C-alpha cells in the first residue's frame, strides 16, 4: 500500500508529510518527525495515558492513534501549551503543587487536565479524579496531581 500526503496542524503550525506509512502512530510522528519529545510513550498499549495529546481538543492516546486518522485536525502537545518561555498556568500549577515525581507521566496528566478545564472550569475533586482516571502514575503522587489540577482551575479562573 502506498503512502499518501498527510497534513496536520500541530501546536498551531501546519505540517505536511509526504512519506508517512499507514501504520505510523501519531506518537511516533510527533516524536520522530517533529522532535516533540514531550509526548511520552510508556506502555505503548493505550493503558497509561502518558502519550495523551489533544486532537481537536479531545484527549487522545497518541500511541494508539494512527497518524493518518487525524488528517487535517488540530493536535496540541505539551510543548504547545507554553507561550514563548512562559509556562501555561496548568504547567505552573503542576510545578508548584509537585504534581509529578519522575515526571514521565506528567505531560499526559497536564494535557488531560487541560481538556477537562476547557469543558469544566470549576470541577469538583471527584470530577478531576474521573477525568484523570485513564492516566497512570507509577510513582503514585495522585494526591499532588489532583491538587495540581485544582490549582490549575484556580489559576485559570483568576485566582492564585
Protein backbone atom coordinates (compact mmCIF):
# COMPACT_ATOMS: atom_id res chain seq x y z
CA UNK A 1 0.00 0.00 0.00
CA UNK A 2 1.45 3.37 -0.94
CA UNK A 3 1.93 6.24 1.47
CA UNK A 4 -0.05 9.43 0.98
CA UNK A 5 0.23 13.08 1.86
CA UNK A 6 -0.64 13.86 5.47
CA UNK A 7 -1.37 17.38 6.71
CA UNK A 8 -1.63 18.14 10.43
CA UNK A 9 -1.87 21.35 12.42
CA UNK A 10 0.43 20.78 15.38
CA UNK A 11 0.65 23.43 18.08
CA UNK A 12 -0.76 25.97 15.63
CA UNK A 13 1.64 25.23 12.76
CA UNK A 14 0.65 23.37 9.60
CA UNK A 15 2.91 20.44 8.72
CA UNK A 16 2.82 18.39 5.53
CA UNK A 17 4.30 14.93 5.41
CA UNK A 18 4.73 13.01 2.15
CA UNK A 19 6.07 9.69 3.34
CA UNK A 20 4.04 8.57 6.35
CA UNK A 21 3.39 4.82 6.34
CA UNK A 22 -0.21 3.87 7.06
CA UNK A 23 0.88 2.07 10.25
CA UNK A 24 2.78 5.03 11.79
CA UNK A 25 1.29 6.28 15.05
CA UNK A 26 0.70 9.88 15.95
CA UNK A 27 3.12 9.50 18.89
CA UNK A 28 5.91 8.33 16.60
CA UNK A 29 5.23 11.11 14.11
CA UNK A 30 5.30 13.77 16.84
CA UNK A 31 8.43 12.43 18.50
CA UNK A 32 10.47 11.30 15.50
CA UNK A 33 9.49 13.68 12.72
CA UNK A 34 8.71 16.87 14.67
CA UNK A 35 11.07 16.27 17.61
CA UNK A 36 8.21 16.94 20.06
CA UNK A 37 9.50 14.54 22.67
CA UNK A 38 7.30 15.82 25.49
CA UNK A 39 4.75 13.28 24.33
CA UNK A 40 5.89 10.13 26.14
CA UNK A 41 5.49 6.53 25.08
CA UNK A 42 5.40 4.41 28.21
CA UNK A 43 3.19 1.34 27.85
CA UNK A 44 2.65 1.63 24.06
CA UNK A 45 -0.71 -0.11 24.63
CA UNK A 46 -3.02 2.81 25.43
CA UNK A 47 -3.24 1.86 29.08
CA UNK A 48 -1.25 4.56 30.89
CA UNK A 49 -2.12 7.92 29.31
CA UNK A 50 1.48 9.21 29.15
CA UNK A 51 1.12 9.79 25.41
CA UNK A 52 -2.03 11.91 25.71
CA UNK A 53 -2.30 14.85 23.34
CA UNK A 54 -5.36 16.86 22.38
CA UNK A 55 -6.81 16.27 18.92
CA UNK A 56 -9.40 18.93 18.19
CA UNK A 57 -9.47 19.49 21.98
CA UNK A 58 -10.20 15.83 22.78
CA UNK A 59 -7.70 13.86 24.91
CA UNK A 60 -6.24 11.23 22.58
CA UNK A 61 -3.84 8.37 23.22
CA UNK A 62 -1.28 9.12 20.54
CA UNK A 63 0.43 5.72 20.83
CA UNK A 64 -2.81 4.06 19.72
CA UNK A 65 -3.81 6.61 17.08
CA UNK A 66 -2.67 6.13 13.52
CA UNK A 67 -1.29 9.40 12.19
CA UNK A 68 -3.45 9.28 9.05
CA UNK A 69 -6.65 9.17 11.14
CA UNK A 70 -6.05 12.74 12.31
CA UNK A 71 -5.55 14.18 8.82
CA UNK A 72 -6.28 17.92 8.83
CA UNK A 73 -7.02 18.05 12.55
CA UNK A 74 -5.52 20.28 15.23
CA UNK A 75 -3.08 18.50 17.52
CA UNK A 76 -1.90 20.13 20.74
CA UNK A 77 1.08 18.69 22.59
CA UNK A 78 2.63 19.65 25.92
CA UNK A 79 5.11 21.86 24.02
CA UNK A 80 2.22 23.81 22.51
CA UNK A 81 0.93 24.98 25.88
CA UNK A 82 3.81 27.36 26.56
CA UNK A 83 3.70 30.92 25.29
CA UNK A 84 7.33 31.51 24.35
CA UNK A 85 9.26 30.96 27.59
CA UNK A 86 6.15 31.45 29.74
CA UNK A 87 4.57 28.29 31.11
CA UNK A 88 0.86 27.72 30.78
CA UNK A 89 -0.99 28.11 34.11
CA UNK A 90 -1.59 24.35 34.19
CA UNK A 91 2.14 23.69 33.82
CA UNK A 92 2.84 26.24 36.57
CA UNK A 93 0.32 24.59 38.89
CA UNK A 94 1.83 21.14 38.33
CA UNK A 95 5.26 22.51 39.22
CA UNK A 96 4.03 24.44 42.26
CA UNK A 97 1.92 21.57 43.64
CA UNK A 98 4.59 18.93 42.91
CA UNK A 99 2.16 17.10 40.61
CA UNK A 100 4.98 14.87 39.45
CA UNK A 101 7.72 12.64 40.81
CA UNK A 102 9.80 11.18 37.98
CA UNK A 103 7.81 13.32 35.53
CA UNK A 104 7.34 10.72 32.82
CA UNK A 105 3.55 10.69 33.12
CA UNK A 106 3.22 14.45 33.67
CA UNK A 107 2.63 15.52 30.04
CA UNK A 108 -0.34 13.16 29.80
CA UNK A 109 -1.80 14.40 33.08
CA UNK A 110 -1.30 18.04 32.05
CA UNK A 111 -2.98 17.55 28.67
CA UNK A 112 -5.88 15.63 30.20
CA UNK A 113 -6.27 18.40 32.81
CA UNK A 114 -6.36 20.99 30.02
CA UNK A 115 -9.15 19.13 28.23
CA UNK A 116 -11.10 18.84 31.49
CA UNK A 117 -10.74 22.51 32.39
CA UNK A 118 -11.67 23.61 28.87
CA UNK A 119 -15.01 21.82 29.38
CA UNK A 120 -15.48 22.28 33.13
CA UNK A 121 -13.71 25.37 34.54
CA UNK A 122 -14.62 24.59 38.18
CA UNK A 123 -14.53 20.80 38.56
CA UNK A 124 -15.04 19.03 41.86
CA UNK A 125 -12.29 16.74 43.13
CA UNK A 126 -14.48 13.80 42.11
CA UNK A 127 -14.76 15.17 38.55
CA UNK A 128 -11.00 15.71 38.44
CA UNK A 129 -10.37 12.13 39.57
CA UNK A 130 -12.83 10.77 36.99
CA UNK A 131 -11.23 12.79 34.17
CA UNK A 132 -7.71 11.67 35.14
CA UNK A 133 -8.67 8.02 35.68
CA UNK A 134 -7.17 6.98 32.32
CA UNK A 135 -3.73 8.21 33.34
CA UNK A 136 -1.34 6.18 35.47
CA UNK A 137 1.49 7.46 37.66
CA UNK A 138 3.94 4.73 38.64
CA UNK A 139 5.28 6.98 41.39
CA UNK A 140 1.75 7.29 42.83
CA UNK A 141 1.69 11.03 43.52
CA UNK A 142 -2.03 11.13 42.78
CA UNK A 143 -2.84 13.45 45.69
CA UNK A 144 -0.41 16.03 44.31
CA UNK A 145 -1.78 15.56 40.80
CA UNK A 146 -5.34 16.25 41.98
CA UNK A 147 -4.04 19.27 43.94
CA UNK A 148 -2.31 20.48 40.76
CA UNK A 149 -5.49 20.09 38.70
CA UNK A 150 -7.47 22.01 41.35
CA UNK A 151 -4.80 24.75 41.47
CA UNK A 152 -4.86 24.88 37.65
CA UNK A 153 -8.58 25.64 37.73
CA UNK A 154 -7.99 28.38 40.30
CA UNK A 155 -5.21 29.94 38.20
CA UNK A 156 -7.29 29.86 35.04
CA UNK A 157 -10.23 31.42 36.88
CA UNK A 158 -8.14 34.39 38.01
CA UNK A 159 -7.05 33.14 41.42
CA UNK A 160 -3.52 32.46 42.52
